[in-house]
C-alpha atoms as a PDB file:
ATOM      1  CA  GLY A   1      -7.689   7.009  10.081  1.00  0.00           C
ATOM      2  CA  PRO A   2      -5.020   5.566   7.958  1.00  0.00           C
ATOM      3  CA  VAL A   3      -5.336   4.413   4.294  1.00  0.00           C
ATOM      4  CA  VAL A   4      -3.862   0.916   3.831  1.00  0.00           C
ATOM      5  CA  MET A   5      -2.215   0.113   0.510  1.00  0.00           C
ATOM      6  CA  VAL A   6      -2.478  -3.578  -0.344  1.00  0.00           C
ATOM      7  CA  GLU A   7      -1.337  -5.538  -3.436  1.00  0.00           C
ATOM      8  CA  GLY A   8      -4.236  -6.470  -5.564  1.00  0.00           C
ATOM      9  CA  ALA A   9      -8.031  -5.763  -5.916  1.00  0.00           C
ATOM     10  CA  PHE A  10      -8.947  -8.933  -3.912  1.00  0.00           C
ATOM     11  CA  ASP A  11      -6.873  -7.906  -0.950  1.00  0.00           C
ATOM     12  CA  ALA A  12      -8.457  -4.406  -1.007  1.00  0.00           C
ATOM     13  CA  LEU A  13     -12.006  -5.809  -1.238  1.00  0.00           C
ATOM     14  CA  ILE A  14     -11.421  -8.206   1.702  1.00  0.00           C
ATOM     15  CA  ALA A  15      -9.877  -5.375   3.731  1.00  0.00           C
ATOM     16  CA  TRP A  16     -12.881  -3.000   2.961  1.00  0.00           C
ATOM     17  CA  GLN A  17     -15.202  -5.804   3.957  1.00  0.00           C
ATOM     18  CA  ALA A  18     -13.386  -5.969   7.306  1.00  0.00           C
ATOM     19  CA  GLY A  19     -13.878  -2.194   7.679  1.00  0.00           C
ATOM     20  CA  VAL A  20     -10.307  -1.135   6.627  1.00  0.00           C
ATOM     21  CA  ASN A  21      -9.936   1.997   4.427  1.00  0.00           C
ATOM     22  CA  ALA A  22      -7.904   0.274   1.745  1.00  0.00           C
ATOM     23  CA  VAL A  23      -6.576   1.054  -1.764  1.00  0.00           C
ATOM     24  CA  ALA A  24      -5.136  -1.612  -4.177  1.00  0.00           C
ATOM     25  CA  LEU A  25      -1.760  -1.429  -5.956  1.00  0.00           C
ATOM     26  CA  THR A  26      -2.775  -3.465  -8.954  1.00  0.00           C
ATOM     27  CA  SER A  27       0.749  -4.538  -9.823  1.00  0.00           C
ATOM     28  CA  ALA A  28       4.070  -4.613  -7.983  1.00  0.00           C
ATOM     29  CA  LYS A  29       6.646  -3.547 -10.540  1.00  0.00           C
ATOM     30  CA  GLY A  30       9.986  -3.397  -8.817  1.00  0.00           C
ATOM     31  CA  ASP A  31      11.556  -0.576  -6.711  1.00  0.00           C
ATOM     32  CA  ASP A  32      11.706   2.258  -9.306  1.00  0.00           C
ATOM     33  CA  PRO A  33       9.854   5.193  -7.647  1.00  0.00           C
ATOM     34  CA  ALA A  34       8.803   6.441 -11.026  1.00  0.00           C
ATOM     35  CA  THR A  35       6.616   3.442 -11.404  1.00  0.00           C
ATOM     36  CA  TYR A  36       4.524   4.582  -8.340  1.00  0.00           C
ATOM     37  CA  THR A  37       4.554   8.424  -8.669  1.00  0.00           C
ATOM     38  CA  THR A  38       1.395   8.865 -10.672  1.00  0.00           C
ATOM     39  CA  ALA A  39      -0.605   6.553  -8.485  1.00  0.00           C
ATOM     40  CA  LEU A  40       0.536   8.174  -5.311  1.00  0.00           C
ATOM     41  CA  GLU A  41      -0.229  11.613  -6.682  1.00  0.00           C
ATOM     42  CA  ALA A  42      -3.839  10.513  -7.433  1.00  0.00           C
ATOM     43  CA  LEU A  43      -4.225   8.800  -4.074  1.00  0.00           C
ATOM     44  CA  PHE A  44      -3.144  11.950  -2.222  1.00  0.00           C
ATOM     45  CA  GLU A  45      -5.360  14.125  -4.264  1.00  0.00           C
ATOM     46  CA  SER A  46      -8.354  12.025  -3.158  1.00  0.00           C
ATOM     47  CA  MET A  47      -7.352  11.441   0.423  1.00  0.00           C
ATOM     48  CA  GLY A  48      -5.764  14.867   1.265  1.00  0.00           C
ATOM     49  CA  ARG A  49      -2.406  15.766   2.815  1.00  0.00           C
ATOM     50  CA  GLY A  50      -1.583  14.769   6.306  1.00  0.00           C
ATOM     51  CA  ARG A  51      -3.281  11.376   6.114  1.00  0.00           C
ATOM     52  CA  ARG A  52      -1.287   8.258   7.000  1.00  0.00           C
ATOM     53  CA  LEU A  53      -0.434   5.651   4.439  1.00  0.00           C
ATOM     54  CA  VAL A  54       0.187   2.123   5.637  1.00  0.00           C
ATOM     55  CA  LEU A  55       1.866  -0.201   3.235  1.00  0.00           C
ATOM     56  CA  ALA A  56       0.583  -3.835   3.488  1.00  0.00           C
ATOM     57  CA  LEU A  57       1.925  -5.285   0.245  1.00  0.00           C
ATOM     58  CA  ASP A  58       2.535  -9.032  -0.053  1.00  0.00           C
ATOM     59  CA  PRO A  59       5.573 -10.438   1.802  1.00  0.00           C
ATOM     60  CA  ASP A  60       7.105 -11.868  -1.442  1.00  0.00           C
ATOM     61  CA  LYS A  61      10.040 -10.459  -3.384  1.00  0.00           C
ATOM     62  CA  ALA A  62       7.708  -8.306  -5.611  1.00  0.00           C
ATOM     63  CA  GLY A  63       5.918  -6.854  -2.598  1.00  0.00           C
ATOM     64  CA  GLN A  64       9.211  -6.079  -0.826  1.00  0.00           C
ATOM     65  CA  LEU A  65      10.583  -4.300  -3.949  1.00  0.00           C
ATOM     66  CA  ALA A  66       7.243  -2.476  -4.445  1.00  0.00           C
ATOM     67  CA  THR A  67       7.265  -1.250  -0.759  1.00  0.00           C
ATOM     68  CA  GLU A  68      10.704   0.255  -1.335  1.00  0.00           C
ATOM     69  CA  GLY A  69       9.538   1.903  -4.658  1.00  0.00           C
ATOM     70  CA  VAL A  70       6.514   3.419  -2.981  1.00  0.00           C
ATOM     71  CA  ARG A  71       8.617   4.700   0.021  1.00  0.00           C
ATOM     72  CA  ARG A  72      11.046   6.241  -2.346  1.00  0.00           C
ATOM     73  CA  ALA A  73       8.246   7.816  -4.572  1.00  0.00           C
ATOM     74  CA  TRP A  74       6.732   9.232  -1.466  1.00  0.00           C
ATOM     75  CA  ALA A  75       9.955  10.897  -0.364  1.00  0.00           C
ATOM     76  CA  GLN A  76      10.459  12.403  -3.827  1.00  0.00           C
ATOM     77  CA  LEU A  77       7.009  13.734  -3.965  1.00  0.00           C
ATOM     78  CA  GLY A  78       7.462  15.428  -0.636  1.00  0.00           C
ATOM     79  CA  LYS A  79       3.909  14.810   0.451  1.00  0.00           C
ATOM     80  CA  LEU A  80       2.845  15.945   3.910  1.00  0.00           C
ATOM     81  CA  GLY A  81       1.757  12.792   5.676  1.00  0.00           C
ATOM     82  CA  ARG A  82       3.277   9.571   7.167  1.00  0.00           C
ATOM     83  CA  VAL A  83       4.063   6.269   5.618  1.00  0.00           C
ATOM     84  CA  ASP A  84       4.459   3.081   7.449  1.00  0.00           C
ATOM     85  CA  GLU A  85       4.533  -0.599   6.996  1.00  0.00           C
ATOM     86  CA  LEU A  86       2.056  -2.898   8.510  1.00  0.00           C
ATOM     87  CA  THR A  87       3.662  -4.354  11.685  1.00  0.00           C
ATOM     88  CA  GLU A  88       2.139  -7.716  11.546  1.00  0.00           C
ATOM     89  CA  ARG A  89       3.592  -9.371   8.409  1.00  0.00           C
ATOM     90  CA  PRO A  90       1.862 -12.598   7.558  1.00  0.00           C
ATOM     91  CA  PRO A  91       4.028 -15.026   5.532  1.00  0.00           C
ATOM     92  CA  VAL A  92       1.317 -15.478   2.927  1.00  0.00           C
ATOM     93  CA  ASP A  93      -0.744 -13.217   0.632  1.00  0.00           C
ATOM     94  CA  ARG A  94      -2.881 -10.770   2.626  1.00  0.00           C
ATOM     95  CA  SER A  95      -6.241 -11.979   1.247  1.00  0.00           C
ATOM     96  CA  ASP A  96      -5.339 -15.511   2.249  1.00  0.00           C
ATOM     97  CA  TRP A  97      -4.376 -14.329   5.731  1.00  0.00           C
ATOM     98  CA  TRP A  98      -7.565 -12.196   6.175  1.00  0.00           C
ATOM     99  CA  GLN A  99      -9.755 -15.110   5.122  1.00  0.00           C
ATOM    100  CA  GLN A 100      -8.056 -17.354   7.664  1.00  0.00           C
ATOM    101  CA  ASN A 101      -8.169 -14.892  10.522  1.00  0.00           C
END
């Protein structure tokens, strides 16, 4: 199944508890793809090529910039696989949303 990238360790833990294969982006630092290249390389070393990555970062400005940065880093790395965004975008932090639902 897909690997879901969330923003923060608590979001990842809650996702894992709900049965979601999640990884945490520990800090959203703008839209510069260089910021995310090393993390993405390590992620795809462990999960293998051809897997699907779903971005489920927070809906705030930092999360939106990080989503763009991760997408651009992915494209520059030329990884085989697919990257998507979570279609249901709660208006709050993911861990708050998962706890309420």
